[in-house]
């Protein structure tokens, strides 16, 4: 894996997130927090989980600090609050990726779970996991949005590639 490949999948990650966010901007305040039959209970819960997970993995990759708390989704009282925070998190991740080189990607990330179990991961595995994890939950958000009549359209990697200049 090379850094240019990681940056490409992060370009995809944020392209597809922007499609989800654009559709989410169209839902009502009631739909934003309405119960949904997916893993994080609502559109707000699902999107805040994706964003907080990215933040947590960035913290782990940068500083070996394990903090996988989802934060307080209620702090995202409106879509606009979450969207602004996500822009900050995206910038932080892109800044981090801009400082990495190919050799960095094979470095190890070490951490200890709350259970005491020690883990060791190759950095590029962690970075790829973040995108894959986001893809899973963006698909749940897309299902919620489609149910609200606000489909984000295709968020497939190949569609992203087709739209690139």
Foldseek 3Di string as FASTA:
>chain_A
DWLVVLVLLLVLLVVLVVLLLVLVVPDDLCQQQAADPDDQGHLLRLLLLLQLQLVQLVCQLVPVDHDNDSPDSVVCSDSVVSVVVSVVSSVSVVVVSVPDGRVQQQDWGWHADPVRRIDIDRNVVSSVVSSVVSVVSSVVSQVSSVVVVRHSPDSDPVVVVVPDD
